């Protein structure tokens, strides 16, 4: 059984949330004898351009202070997104993060300029033998994984597990989770410019009436998606067993690591912070949670949210938790401790 600690707070003032997160971090370090490393990045989501319900940078000040008080080096760490947007490339991603106020500490984009920097972790599970993660994550044995717990159209909910899965994955790893198929080209949007050909390292693309991707040669790196100037290249977002694949990627991202997990159960929206527009709040704020177990902390957040709001809310995300149990990852048995 895993411990999940939380502080109740029915509000969303980032300064208050910052203090609560710091208190919870210090509590779990002391009460679970967590050995802290000399360098601990903070995994965050900077929010897509136009989104205002992601966790604001002030929410992390307490955690940053807690690490600096211990003379622990820290930084923000993230990976680029798979889709075309303001966070597709490193430079644009960092610029957006700073635009949103994430300027307190350095920013690391773990998978390089366009998601090409990869390291693999062997897991030998049902859907993946190996997972592909942002290369810089290999440099750290411990990361403070923070998540804004909210809804997600495909995953059901986004919390610690999705932060590990999508947030740690390289572009090719994100594609592997999302799709059974390789990228495809929308002929009417393709201008036959050849940029994708120059980007492809395995000569999987050629031009006929428009760009054609060879499914036999394509390795699913998704670099062509990032560089296409017209957005003609995309992937199948409705890939099979998406939620189970998230679980296995999260398992790989946490394997042999001593990550600490903090969930902010506030500003709960139906959709993800990747949506670059106004999102309505659909539930009352609950507070801040911390655990050493990503499965337990997500289960606790989902349980308390459903109890407070609607027993069916985000329920398809249960698939992710159930698959975790099947593969021996984390624990669905938890002790919820209010501080």
C-alpha atoms as a PDB file:
ATOM      1  CA  UNK A   1       0.000   0.000   0.000  1.00  0.00           C
ATOM      2  CA  UNK A   2       1.265   3.460  -0.928  1.00  0.00           C
ATOM      3  CA  UNK A   3       0.847   6.659   1.041  1.00  0.00           C
ATOM      4  CA  UNK A   4      -0.771   9.680  -0.598  1.00  0.00           C
ATOM      5  CA  UNK A   5      -0.597  12.902   1.416  1.00  0.00           C
ATOM      6  CA  UNK A   6      -2.697  15.951   0.673  1.00  0.00           C
ATOM      7  CA  UNK A   7      -3.596  19.422   1.822  1.00  0.00           C
ATOM      8  CA  UNK A   8      -7.149  20.526   1.231  1.00  0.00           C
ATOM      9  CA  UNK A   9      -7.574  23.929  -0.410  1.00  0.00           C
ATOM     10  CA  UNK A  10     -10.789  24.981  -2.101  1.00  0.00           C
ATOM     11  CA  UNK A  11      -9.193  27.727  -4.158  1.00  0.00           C
ATOM     12  CA  UNK A  12      -6.660  28.327  -6.896  1.00  0.00           C
ATOM     13  CA  UNK A  13      -4.443  31.147  -5.639  1.00  0.00           C
ATOM     14  CA  UNK A  14      -1.017  30.141  -6.992  1.00  0.00           C
ATOM     15  CA  UNK A  15       0.827  31.592  -3.992  1.00  0.00           C
ATOM     16  CA  UNK A  16      -1.199  29.429  -1.610  1.00  0.00           C
ATOM     17  CA  UNK A  17      -0.755  26.386  -3.831  1.00  0.00           C
ATOM     18  CA  UNK A  18       2.972  27.074  -3.850  1.00  0.00           C
ATOM     19  CA  UNK A  19       3.158  26.997  -0.064  1.00  0.00           C
ATOM     20  CA  UNK A  20       1.058  23.830   0.139  1.00  0.00           C
ATOM     21  CA  UNK A  21       3.228  22.076  -2.445  1.00  0.00           C
ATOM     22  CA  UNK A  22       6.361  23.015  -0.492  1.00  0.00           C
ATOM     23  CA  UNK A  23       4.858  21.733   2.775  1.00  0.00           C
ATOM     24  CA  UNK A  24       3.845  18.442   1.191  1.00  0.00           C
ATOM     25  CA  UNK A  25       7.238  17.982  -0.456  1.00  0.00           C
ATOM     26  CA  UNK A  26       9.045  18.559   2.822  1.00  0.00           C
ATOM     27  CA  UNK A  27       6.634  16.243   4.633  1.00  0.00           C
ATOM     28  CA  UNK A  28       7.150  13.285   2.316  1.00  0.00           C
ATOM     29  CA  UNK A  29      10.920  13.739   2.288  1.00  0.00           C
ATOM     30  CA  UNK A  30      10.979  13.628   6.085  1.00  0.00           C
ATOM     31  CA  UNK A  31       8.357  10.956   6.757  1.00  0.00           C
ATOM     32  CA  UNK A  32       9.344   8.529   4.002  1.00  0.00           C
ATOM     33  CA  UNK A  33      13.108   9.045   4.356  1.00  0.00           C
ATOM     34  CA  UNK A  34      13.487  10.133   0.751  1.00  0.00           C
ATOM     35  CA  UNK A  35      17.109  10.474  -0.262  1.00  0.00           C
ATOM     36  CA  UNK A  36      17.329  13.586  -2.390  1.00  0.00           C
ATOM     37  CA  UNK A  37      19.797  13.769  -5.269  1.00  0.00           C
ATOM     38  CA  UNK A  38      22.130  16.693  -5.880  1.00  0.00           C
ATOM     39  CA  UNK A  39      20.198  17.769  -8.967  1.00  0.00           C
ATOM     40  CA  UNK A  40      16.419  17.434  -9.300  1.00  0.00           C
ATOM     41  CA  UNK A  41      14.592  18.974 -12.264  1.00  0.00           C
ATOM     42  CA  UNK A  42      10.903  19.852 -11.998  1.00  0.00           C
ATOM     43  CA  UNK A  43       8.721  18.295 -14.699  1.00  0.00           C
ATOM     44  CA  UNK A  44       5.990  20.751 -15.628  1.00  0.00           C
ATOM     45  CA  UNK A  45       3.531  21.552 -18.419  1.00  0.00           C
ATOM     46  CA  UNK A  46       3.948  25.129 -19.648  1.00  0.00           C
ATOM     47  CA  UNK A  47       0.449  25.287 -21.135  1.00  0.00           C
ATOM     48  CA  UNK A  48      -0.346  25.796 -24.788  1.00  0.00           C
ATOM     49  CA  UNK A  49      -0.570  29.303 -26.202  1.00  0.00           C
ATOM     50  CA  UNK A  50      -4.023  30.674 -25.385  1.00  0.00           C
ATOM     51  CA  UNK A  51      -4.619  28.305 -22.465  1.00  0.00           C
ATOM     52  CA  UNK A  52      -5.102  30.091 -19.118  1.00  0.00           C
ATOM     53  CA  UNK A  53      -6.082  27.203 -16.832  1.00  0.00           C
ATOM     54  CA  UNK A  54      -2.698  25.435 -16.735  1.00  0.00           C
ATOM     55  CA  UNK A  55      -0.750  25.704 -13.478  1.00  0.00           C
ATOM     56  CA  UNK A  56       0.879  29.161 -13.427  1.00  0.00           C
ATOM     57  CA  UNK A  57       4.612  29.537 -12.691  1.00  0.00           C
ATOM     58  CA  UNK A  58       3.993  30.997  -9.224  1.00  0.00           C
ATOM     59  CA  UNK A  59       2.625  27.587  -8.173  1.00  0.00           C
ATOM     60  CA  UNK A  60       6.155  26.179  -8.304  1.00  0.00           C
ATOM     61  CA  UNK A  61       7.957  28.848  -6.271  1.00  0.00           C
ATOM     62  CA  UNK A  62       7.668  26.861  -3.037  1.00  0.00           C
ATOM     63  CA  UNK A  63       9.138  23.735  -4.605  1.00  0.00           C
ATOM     64  CA  UNK A  64      11.957  25.747  -6.150  1.00  0.00           C
ATOM     65  CA  UNK A  65      12.688  27.330  -2.755  1.00  0.00           C
ATOM     66  CA  UNK A  66      12.598  23.949  -1.005  1.00  0.00           C
ATOM     67  CA  UNK A  67      15.202  22.573  -3.412  1.00  0.00           C
ATOM     68  CA  UNK A  68      17.410  25.655  -3.278  1.00  0.00           C
ATOM     69  CA  UNK A  69      17.267  25.652   0.535  1.00  0.00           C
ATOM     70  CA  UNK A  70      18.875  22.216   0.336  1.00  0.00           C
ATOM     71  CA  UNK A  71      21.433  23.439  -2.224  1.00  0.00           C
ATOM     72  CA  UNK A  72      19.915  21.176  -4.857  1.00  0.00           C
ATOM     73  CA  UNK A  73      20.304  22.341  -8.456  1.00  0.00           C
ATOM     74  CA  UNK A  74      17.006  22.497 -10.291  1.00  0.00           C
ATOM     75  CA  UNK A  75      15.461  23.471 -13.599  1.00  0.00           C
ATOM     76  CA  UNK A  76      12.213  23.041 -15.474  1.00  0.00           C
ATOM     77  CA  UNK A  77      12.205  20.055 -17.818  1.00  0.00           C
ATOM     78  CA  UNK A  78       9.824  19.163 -20.646  1.00  0.00           C
ATOM     79  CA  UNK A  79       9.671  17.592 -24.102  1.00  0.00           C
ATOM     80  CA  UNK A  80       8.311  18.927 -27.356  1.00  0.00           C
ATOM     81  CA  UNK A  81       4.791  18.062 -28.454  1.00  0.00           C
ATOM     82  CA  UNK A  82       3.897  15.796 -31.352  1.00  0.00           C
ATOM     83  CA  UNK A  83       1.290  18.058 -32.918  1.00  0.00           C
ATOM     84  CA  UNK A  84       2.027  21.336 -34.710  1.00  0.00           C
ATOM     85  CA  UNK A  85       1.792  24.289 -32.344  1.00  0.00           C
ATOM     86  CA  UNK A  86       3.734  26.698 -30.170  1.00  0.00           C
ATOM     87  CA  UNK A  87       5.624  23.872 -28.438  1.00  0.00           C
ATOM     88  CA  UNK A  88       6.692  21.815 -31.472  1.00  0.00           C
ATOM     89  CA  UNK A  89      10.329  22.934 -31.512  1.00  0.00           C
ATOM     90  CA  UNK A  90      12.750  23.714 -28.699  1.00  0.00           C
ATOM     91  CA  UNK A  91      13.157  27.417 -29.442  1.00  0.00           C
ATOM     92  CA  UNK A  92       9.428  28.052 -29.777  1.00  0.00           C
ATOM     93  CA  UNK A  93       8.711  25.920 -26.715  1.00  0.00           C
ATOM     94  CA  UNK A  94      11.165  27.825 -24.520  1.00  0.00           C
ATOM     95  CA  UNK A  95       9.883  31.158 -25.857  1.00  0.00           C
ATOM     96  CA  UNK A  96       6.298  30.222 -24.973  1.00  0.00           C
ATOM     97  CA  UNK A  97       7.336  29.024 -21.496  1.00  0.00           C
ATOM     98  CA  UNK A  98       9.017  32.354 -20.792  1.00  0.00           C
ATOM     99  CA  UNK A  99       6.006  34.164 -22.255  1.00  0.00           C
ATOM    100  CA  UNK A 100       3.890  32.332 -19.671  1.00  0.00           C
ATOM    101  CA  UNK A 101       6.232  33.457 -16.893  1.00  0.00           C
ATOM    102  CA  UNK A 102       8.382  30.357 -16.342  1.00  0.00           C
ATOM    103  CA  UNK A 103      11.555  32.350 -15.815  1.00  0.00           C
ATOM    104  CA  UNK A 104      12.587  31.470 -12.239  1.00  0.00           C
ATOM    105  CA  UNK A 105      14.997  28.686 -13.232  1.00  0.00           C
ATOM    106  CA  UNK A 106      16.593  27.351 -16.445  1.00  0.00           C
ATOM    107  CA  UNK A 107      14.477  25.394 -18.931  1.00  0.00           C
ATOM    108  CA  UNK A 108      15.540  22.052 -20.390  1.00  0.00           C
ATOM    109  CA  UNK A 109      13.835  20.555 -23.448  1.00  0.00           C
ATOM    110  CA  UNK A 110      14.821  16.931 -23.017  1.00  0.00           C
ATOM    111  CA  UNK A 111      14.325  15.640 -26.560  1.00  0.00           C
ATOM    112  CA  UNK A 112      16.264  18.252 -28.522  1.00  0.00           C
ATOM    113  CA  UNK A 113      15.223  20.792 -31.104  1.00  0.00           C
ATOM    114  CA  UNK A 114      12.572  18.721 -32.863  1.00  0.00           C
ATOM    115  CA  UNK A 115      12.212  15.655 -30.679  1.00  0.00           C
ATOM    116  CA  UNK A 116      15.133  13.844 -32.271  1.00  0.00           C
ATOM    117  CA  UNK A 117      17.173  13.235 -29.085  1.00  0.00           C
ATOM    118  CA  UNK A 118      16.092   9.832 -27.776  1.00  0.00           C
ATOM    119  CA  UNK A 119      17.103   7.196 -25.307  1.00  0.00           C
ATOM    120  CA  UNK A 120      15.404   3.846 -24.945  1.00  0.00           C
ATOM    121  CA  UNK A 121      14.380   1.983 -21.813  1.00  0.00           C
ATOM    122  CA  UNK A 122      13.690  -1.741 -22.010  1.00  0.00           C
ATOM    123  CA  UNK A 123      10.420  -2.720 -20.301  1.00  0.00           C
ATOM    124  CA  UNK A 124       9.195  -5.914 -22.082  1.00  0.00           C
ATOM    125  CA  UNK A 125       5.498  -5.359 -21.443  1.00  0.00           C
ATOM    126  CA  UNK A 126       2.353  -6.144 -23.421  1.00  0.00           C
ATOM    127  CA  UNK A 127       2.545  -3.357 -26.008  1.00  0.00           C
ATOM    128  CA  UNK A 128       6.169  -2.242 -25.884  1.00  0.00           C
ATOM    129  CA  UNK A 129       9.498  -3.984 -25.465  1.00  0.00           C
ATOM    130  CA  UNK A 130      11.179  -0.590 -25.212  1.00  0.00           C
ATOM    131  CA  UNK A 131       9.983   2.973 -24.689  1.00  0.00           C
ATOM    132  CA  UNK A 132      11.543   6.033 -26.336  1.00  0.00           C
ATOM    133  CA  UNK A 133      12.144   8.952 -23.986  1.00  0.00           C
ATOM    134  CA  UNK A 134      13.727  12.383 -24.255  1.00  0.00           C
ATOM    135  CA  UNK A 135      17.488  11.821 -24.085  1.00  0.00           C
ATOM    136  CA  UNK A 136      18.245  14.302 -21.286  1.00  0.00           C
ATOM    137  CA  UNK A 137      15.962  12.427 -18.874  1.00  0.00           C
ATOM    138  CA  UNK A 138      18.624   9.714 -18.766  1.00  0.00           C
ATOM    139  CA  UNK A 139      20.877  12.145 -16.887  1.00  0.00           C
ATOM    140  CA  UNK A 140      18.621  12.266 -13.804  1.00  0.00           C
ATOM    141  CA  UNK A 141      17.810   9.589 -11.246  1.00  0.00           C
ATOM    142  CA  UNK A 142      15.173  11.741  -9.569  1.00  0.00           C
ATOM    143  CA  UNK A 143      12.679  14.248 -10.919  1.00  0.00           C
ATOM    144  CA  UNK A 144       9.943  16.171  -9.162  1.00  0.00           C
ATOM    145  CA  UNK A 145       7.029  15.272 -11.430  1.00  0.00           C
ATOM    146  CA  UNK A 146       4.251  17.817 -11.052  1.00  0.00           C
ATOM    147  CA  UNK A 147       0.891  17.445 -12.753  1.00  0.00           C
ATOM    148  CA  UNK A 148      -2.283  19.462 -13.126  1.00  0.00           C
ATOM    149  CA  UNK A 149      -4.982  16.830 -12.638  1.00  0.00           C
ATOM    150  CA  UNK A 150      -7.749  17.445 -15.192  1.00  0.00           C
ATOM    151  CA  UNK A 151      -9.557  15.766 -18.049  1.00  0.00           C
ATOM    152  CA  UNK A 152      -8.240  14.532 -21.373  1.00  0.00           C
ATOM    153  CA  UNK A 153     -10.267  13.580 -24.440  1.00  0.00           C
ATOM    154  CA  UNK A 154      -8.464  10.283 -25.069  1.00  0.00           C
ATOM    155  CA  UNK A 155      -6.769   9.416 -21.772  1.00  0.00           C
ATOM    156  CA  UNK A 156      -9.803  10.151 -19.607  1.00  0.00           C
ATOM    157  CA  UNK A 157      -7.700  12.205 -17.230  1.00  0.00           C
ATOM    158  CA  UNK A 158      -4.250  13.717 -17.159  1.00  0.00           C
ATOM    159  CA  UNK A 159      -2.191  13.371 -13.999  1.00  0.00           C
ATOM    160  CA  UNK A 160       1.120  11.893 -12.896  1.00  0.00           C
ATOM    161  CA  UNK A 161       0.931   8.925 -15.256  1.00  0.00           C
ATOM    162  CA  UNK A 162       0.312  11.047 -18.329  1.00  0.00           C
ATOM    163  CA  UNK A 163       3.098  13.410 -17.268  1.00  0.00           C
ATOM    164  CA  UNK A 164       5.441  10.438 -17.177  1.00  0.00           C
ATOM    165  CA  UNK A 165       4.175   8.951 -20.418  1.00  0.00           C
ATOM    166  CA  UNK A 166       3.659  11.841 -22.815  1.00  0.00           C
ATOM    167  CA  UNK A 167       5.780  14.306 -20.857  1.00  0.00           C
ATOM    168  CA  UNK A 168       8.889  12.123 -20.856  1.00  0.00           C
ATOM    169  CA  UNK A 169       8.483  10.597 -24.322  1.00  0.00           C
ATOM    170  CA  UNK A 170      10.423  11.809 -27.326  1.00  0.00           C
ATOM    171  CA  UNK A 171       8.427  12.702 -30.426  1.00  0.00           C
ATOM    172  CA  UNK A 172       8.778   9.131 -31.695  1.00  0.00           C
ATOM    173  CA  UNK A 173       7.633   7.852 -28.308  1.00  0.00           C
ATOM    174  CA  UNK A 174       4.575  10.086 -28.384  1.00  0.00           C
ATOM    175  CA  UNK A 175       3.740   8.786 -31.846  1.00  0.00           C
ATOM    176  CA  UNK A 176       4.112   5.204 -30.642  1.00  0.00           C
ATOM    177  CA  UNK A 177       1.567   5.818 -27.886  1.00  0.00           C
ATOM    178  CA  UNK A 178      -0.908   7.654 -30.063  1.00  0.00           C
ATOM    179  CA  UNK A 179      -0.936   5.585 -33.196  1.00  0.00           C
ATOM    180  CA  UNK A 180      -0.752   2.123 -34.618  1.00  0.00           C
ATOM    181  CA  UNK A 181      -0.123   3.661 -38.031  1.00  0.00           C
ATOM    182  CA  UNK A 182       2.801   5.720 -39.317  1.00  0.00           C
ATOM    183  CA  UNK A 183       2.403   9.382 -40.343  1.00  0.00           C
ATOM    184  CA  UNK A 184       0.362  10.019 -43.484  1.00  0.00           C
ATOM    185  CA  UNK A 185       0.164  12.908 -45.951  1.00  0.00           C
ATOM    186  CA  UNK A 186      -2.906  14.920 -46.880  1.00  0.00           C
ATOM    187  CA  UNK A 187      -2.302  15.358 -50.582  1.00  0.00           C
ATOM    188  CA  UNK A 188      -4.383  18.514 -50.989  1.00  0.00           C
ATOM    189  CA  UNK A 189      -2.307  20.332 -48.365  1.00  0.00           C
ATOM    190  CA  UNK A 190       1.085  19.105 -49.593  1.00  0.00           C
ATOM    191  CA  UNK A 191       3.040  21.538 -51.816  1.00  0.00           C
ATOM    192  CA  UNK A 192       5.768  19.011 -52.676  1.00  0.00           C
ATOM    193  CA  UNK A 193       8.374  21.326 -51.148  1.00  0.00           C
ATOM    194  CA  UNK A 194      10.628  18.441 -50.097  1.00  0.00           C
ATOM    195  CA  UNK A 195      11.347  19.697 -46.576  1.00  0.00           C
ATOM    196  CA  UNK A 196      10.163  16.373 -45.152  1.00  0.00           C
ATOM    197  CA  UNK A 197      12.527  14.484 -47.471  1.00  0.00           C
ATOM    198  CA  UNK A 198      15.492  16.473 -46.182  1.00  0.00           C
ATOM    199  CA  UNK A 199      14.422  15.743 -42.593  1.00  0.00           C
ATOM    200  CA  UNK A 200      13.937  11.987 -43.018  1.00  0.00           C
ATOM    201  CA  UNK A 201      17.028  10.006 -41.983  1.00  0.00           C
ATOM    202  CA  UNK A 202      15.841   6.696 -43.470  1.00  0.00           C
ATOM    203  CA  UNK A 203      14.794   7.807 -46.978  1.00  0.00           C
ATOM    204  CA  UNK A 204      11.191   6.859 -46.314  1.00  0.00           C
ATOM    205  CA  UNK A 205       9.666   9.781 -48.254  1.00  0.00           C
ATOM    206  CA  UNK A 206       9.476  10.512 -51.957  1.00  0.00           C
ATOM    207  CA  UNK A 207       7.452  12.861 -54.154  1.00  0.00           C
ATOM    208  CA  UNK A 208       4.815  11.792 -56.656  1.00  0.00           C
ATOM    209  CA  UNK A 209       1.781  14.088 -56.980  1.00  0.00           C
ATOM    210  CA  UNK A 210       2.559  14.871 -53.348  1.00  0.00           C
ATOM    211  CA  UNK A 211       4.839  13.487 -50.658  1.00  0.00           C
ATOM    212  CA  UNK A 212       4.462   9.760 -50.058  1.00  0.00           C
ATOM    213  CA  UNK A 213       5.674   8.027 -46.871  1.00  0.00           C
ATOM    214  CA  UNK A 214       6.763   4.403 -47.187  1.00  0.00           C
ATOM    215  CA  UNK A 215       5.285   2.470 -44.272  1.00  0.00           C
ATOM    216  CA  UNK A 216       7.963  -0.204 -44.759  1.00  0.00           C
ATOM    217  CA  UNK A 217      10.836   2.249 -44.295  1.00  0.00           C
ATOM    218  CA  UNK A 218       9.293   4.711 -41.819  1.00  0.00           C
ATOM    219  CA  UNK A 219      10.586   4.302 -38.260  1.00  0.00           C
ATOM    220  CA  UNK A 220       7.935   6.556 -36.714  1.00  0.00           C
ATOM    221  CA  UNK A 221      10.262   9.338 -35.535  1.00  0.00           C
ATOM    222  CA  UNK A 222       7.606  11.937 -36.541  1.00  0.00           C
ATOM    223  CA  UNK A 223      10.249  14.484 -37.535  1.00  0.00           C
ATOM    224  CA  UNK A 224       8.364  15.083 -40.783  1.00  0.00           C
ATOM    225  CA  UNK A 225       5.312  16.198 -38.789  1.00  0.00           C
ATOM    226  CA  UNK A 226       7.389  18.844 -37.045  1.00  0.00           C
ATOM    227  CA  UNK A 227       8.981  20.336 -40.154  1.00  0.00           C
ATOM    228  CA  UNK A 228       6.088  20.273 -42.645  1.00  0.00           C
ATOM    229  CA  UNK A 229       5.345  23.971 -43.356  1.00  0.00           C
ATOM    230  CA  UNK A 230       1.720  23.385 -44.376  1.00  0.00           C
ATOM    231  CA  UNK A 231       0.676  20.827 -41.759  1.00  0.00           C
ATOM    232  CA  UNK A 232       0.054  18.226 -44.465  1.00  0.00           C
ATOM    233  CA  UNK A 233       1.582  15.381 -42.444  1.00  0.00           C
ATOM    234  CA  UNK A 234      -0.259  13.968 -39.459  1.00  0.00           C
ATOM    235  CA  UNK A 235      -0.783  10.753 -37.581  1.00  0.00           C
ATOM    236  CA  UNK A 236      -3.747   8.662 -36.478  1.00  0.00           C
ATOM    237  CA  UNK A 237      -4.704  10.173 -33.113  1.00  0.00           C
ATOM    238  CA  UNK A 238      -7.169   7.352 -32.505  1.00  0.00           C
ATOM    239  CA  UNK A 239      -4.578   4.648 -32.130  1.00  0.00           C
ATOM    240  CA  UNK A 240      -5.542   1.397 -30.467  1.00  0.00           C
ATOM    241  CA  UNK A 241      -5.093   0.782 -26.727  1.00  0.00           C
ATOM    242  CA  UNK A 242      -3.943   4.351 -26.125  1.00  0.00           C
ATOM    243  CA  UNK A 243      -4.567   4.286 -22.375  1.00  0.00           C
ATOM    244  CA  UNK A 244      -2.720   1.007 -21.871  1.00  0.00           C
ATOM    245  CA  UNK A 245       0.201   2.387 -23.867  1.00  0.00           C
ATOM    246  CA  UNK A 246       0.307   5.448 -21.616  1.00  0.00           C
ATOM    247  CA  UNK A 247       0.658   3.120 -18.637  1.00  0.00           C
ATOM    248  CA  UNK A 248       3.597   1.275 -20.150  1.00  0.00           C
ATOM    249  CA  UNK A 249       5.400   4.478 -21.094  1.00  0.00           C
ATOM    250  CA  UNK A 250       4.860   5.812 -17.584  1.00  0.00           C
ATOM    251  CA  UNK A 251       6.305   2.577 -16.233  1.00  0.00           C
ATOM    252  CA  UNK A 252       9.395   3.001 -18.419  1.00  0.00           C
ATOM    253  CA  UNK A 253       9.854   6.637 -17.412  1.00  0.00           C
ATOM    254  CA  UNK A 254       9.815   5.725 -13.718  1.00  0.00           C
ATOM    255  CA  UNK A 255      11.812   2.480 -13.926  1.00  0.00           C
ATOM    256  CA  UNK A 256      14.785   2.478 -11.524  1.00  0.00           C
ATOM    257  CA  UNK A 257      14.121   6.117 -10.644  1.00  0.00           C
ATOM    258  CA  UNK A 258      13.106   7.739  -7.344  1.00  0.00           C
ATOM    259  CA  UNK A 259      10.746  10.398  -8.656  1.00  0.00           C
ATOM    260  CA  UNK A 260       8.474  12.388  -6.347  1.00  0.00           C
ATOM    261  CA  UNK A 261       4.955  13.142  -7.588  1.00  0.00           C
ATOM    262  CA  UNK A 262       2.834  16.210  -6.872  1.00  0.00           C
ATOM    263  CA  UNK A 263      -0.683  16.624  -8.294  1.00  0.00           C
ATOM    264  CA  UNK A 264      -2.573  19.905  -8.244  1.00  0.00           C
ATOM    265  CA  UNK A 265      -6.288  19.078  -8.130  1.00  0.00           C
ATOM    266  CA  UNK A 266      -7.498  22.552  -8.956  1.00  0.00           C
ATOM    267  CA  UNK A 267      -8.756  24.418 -12.045  1.00  0.00           C
ATOM    268  CA  UNK A 268     -10.241  21.119 -13.226  1.00  0.00           C
ATOM    269  CA  UNK A 269     -11.226  21.266 -16.890  1.00  0.00           C
ATOM    270  CA  UNK A 270     -12.722  18.714 -19.253  1.00  0.00           C
ATOM    271  CA  UNK A 271      -9.796  18.957 -21.652  1.00  0.00           C
ATOM    272  CA  UNK A 272      -6.007  19.051 -21.430  1.00  0.00           C
ATOM    273  CA  UNK A 273      -3.787  22.124 -20.980  1.00  0.00           C
ATOM    274  CA  UNK A 274      -2.597  21.425 -24.541  1.00  0.00           C
ATOM    275  CA  UNK A 275      -5.824  23.035 -25.765  1.00  0.00           C
ATOM    276  CA  UNK A 276      -4.910  26.599 -26.692  1.00  0.00           C
ATOM    277  CA  UNK A 277      -8.172  28.283 -25.787  1.00  0.00           C
ATOM    278  CA  UNK A 278     -10.410  29.163 -22.863  1.00  0.00           C
ATOM    279  CA  UNK A 279     -11.595  26.056 -20.989  1.00  0.00           C
ATOM    280  CA  UNK A 280     -14.437  26.022 -18.480  1.00  0.00           C
ATOM    281  CA  UNK A 281     -13.867  24.834 -14.911  1.00  0.00           C
ATOM    282  CA  UNK A 282     -16.076  21.792 -14.300  1.00  0.00           C
ATOM    283  CA  UNK A 283     -15.367  20.843 -10.659  1.00  0.00           C
ATOM    284  CA  UNK A 284     -14.603  22.373  -7.296  1.00  0.00           C
ATOM    285  CA  UNK A 285     -10.966  22.773  -6.291  1.00  0.00           C
ATOM    286  CA  UNK A 286      -9.725  20.108  -3.864  1.00  0.00           C
ATOM    287  CA  UNK A 287      -6.074  20.802  -3.062  1.00  0.00           C
ATOM    288  CA  UNK A 288      -2.554  19.456  -3.538  1.00  0.00           C
ATOM    289  CA  UNK A 289      -1.383  15.820  -3.335  1.00  0.00           C
ATOM    290  CA  UNK A 290       2.033  14.165  -3.018  1.00  0.00           C
ATOM    291  CA  UNK A 291       3.235  10.556  -3.218  1.00  0.00           C
ATOM    292  CA  UNK A 292       6.165   8.407  -4.252  1.00  0.00           C
ATOM    293  CA  UNK A 293       3.732   6.290  -6.306  1.00  0.00           C
ATOM    294  CA  UNK A 294       2.290   7.758  -9.540  1.00  0.00           C
ATOM    295  CA  UNK A 295      -0.448   5.144  -9.776  1.00  0.00           C
ATOM    296  CA  UNK A 296      -1.629   5.702  -6.210  1.00  0.00           C
ATOM    297  CA  UNK A 297      -1.658   9.505  -6.477  1.00  0.00           C
ATOM    298  CA  UNK A 298      -3.696   9.417  -9.689  1.00  0.00           C
ATOM    299  CA  UNK A 299      -6.105   6.853  -8.227  1.00  0.00           C
ATOM    300  CA  UNK A 300      -6.573   9.010  -5.131  1.00  0.00           C
ATOM    301  CA  UNK A 301      -7.229  12.152  -7.174  1.00  0.00           C
ATOM    302  CA  UNK A 302      -9.700  10.372  -9.429  1.00  0.00           C
ATOM    303  CA  UNK A 303     -11.508   8.754  -6.493  1.00  0.00           C
ATOM    304  CA  UNK A 304     -11.923  11.968  -4.533  1.00  0.00           C
ATOM    305  CA  UNK A 305     -12.977  13.918  -7.622  1.00  0.00           C
ATOM    306  CA  UNK A 306     -15.607  11.348  -8.533  1.00  0.00           C
ATOM    307  CA  UNK A 307     -16.851  11.247  -4.951  1.00  0.00           C
ATOM    308  CA  UNK A 308     -17.203  15.030  -4.858  1.00  0.00           C
ATOM    309  CA  UNK A 309     -18.596  15.584  -8.355  1.00  0.00           C
ATOM    310  CA  UNK A 310     -19.748  12.660 -10.479  1.00  0.00           C
ATOM    311  CA  UNK A 311     -18.889   8.974 -10.194  1.00  0.00           C
ATOM    312  CA  UNK A 312     -18.565   8.777 -13.995  1.00  0.00           C
ATOM    313  CA  UNK A 313     -16.250  11.789 -14.356  1.00  0.00           C
ATOM    314  CA  UNK A 314     -13.089  10.892 -16.341  1.00  0.00           C
ATOM    315  CA  UNK A 315     -13.956   7.238 -15.727  1.00  0.00           C
ATOM    316  CA  UNK A 316     -12.443   5.873 -18.933  1.00  0.00           C
ATOM    317  CA  UNK A 317      -9.080   6.753 -17.366  1.00  0.00           C
ATOM    318  CA  UNK A 318      -9.627   3.730 -15.105  1.00  0.00           C
ATOM    319  CA  UNK A 319      -8.249   1.663 -17.980  1.00  0.00           C
ATOM    320  CA  UNK A 320      -4.837   3.234 -17.381  1.00  0.00           C
ATOM    321  CA  UNK A 321      -4.939   2.359 -13.685  1.00  0.00           C
ATOM    322  CA  UNK A 322      -6.195  -1.181 -14.312  1.00  0.00           C
ATOM    323  CA  UNK A 323      -3.384  -1.833 -16.791  1.00  0.00           C
ATOM    324  CA  UNK A 324      -0.892  -0.604 -14.196  1.00  0.00           C
ATOM    325  CA  UNK A 325      -2.142  -3.319 -11.857  1.00  0.00           C
ATOM    326  CA  UNK A 326      -1.818  -5.951 -14.608  1.00  0.00           C
ATOM    327  CA  UNK A 327       1.811  -5.094 -15.329  1.00  0.00           C
ATOM    328  CA  UNK A 328       2.811  -4.753 -11.667  1.00  0.00           C
ATOM    329  CA  UNK A 329       3.276  -1.003 -11.719  1.00  0.00           C
ATOM    330  CA  UNK A 330       2.552   1.033  -8.582  1.00  0.00           C
ATOM    331  CA  UNK A 331      -0.398   0.300  -6.333  1.00  0.00           C
ATOM    332  CA  UNK A 332      -4.134   0.913  -6.490  1.00  0.00           C
ATOM    333  CA  UNK A 333      -4.199   0.337  -2.738  1.00  0.00           C
ATOM    334  CA  UNK A 334      -3.355   3.604  -1.057  1.00  0.00           C
ATOM    335  CA  UNK A 335      -3.670   5.315   2.281  1.00  0.00           C
ATOM    336  CA  UNK A 336      -4.932   8.877   1.907  1.00  0.00           C
ATOM    337  CA  UNK A 337      -3.503  11.096   4.644  1.00  0.00           C
ATOM    338  CA  UNK A 338      -4.722  14.653   5.080  1.00  0.00           C
ATOM    339  CA  UNK A 339      -2.229  17.038   6.655  1.00  0.00           C
END
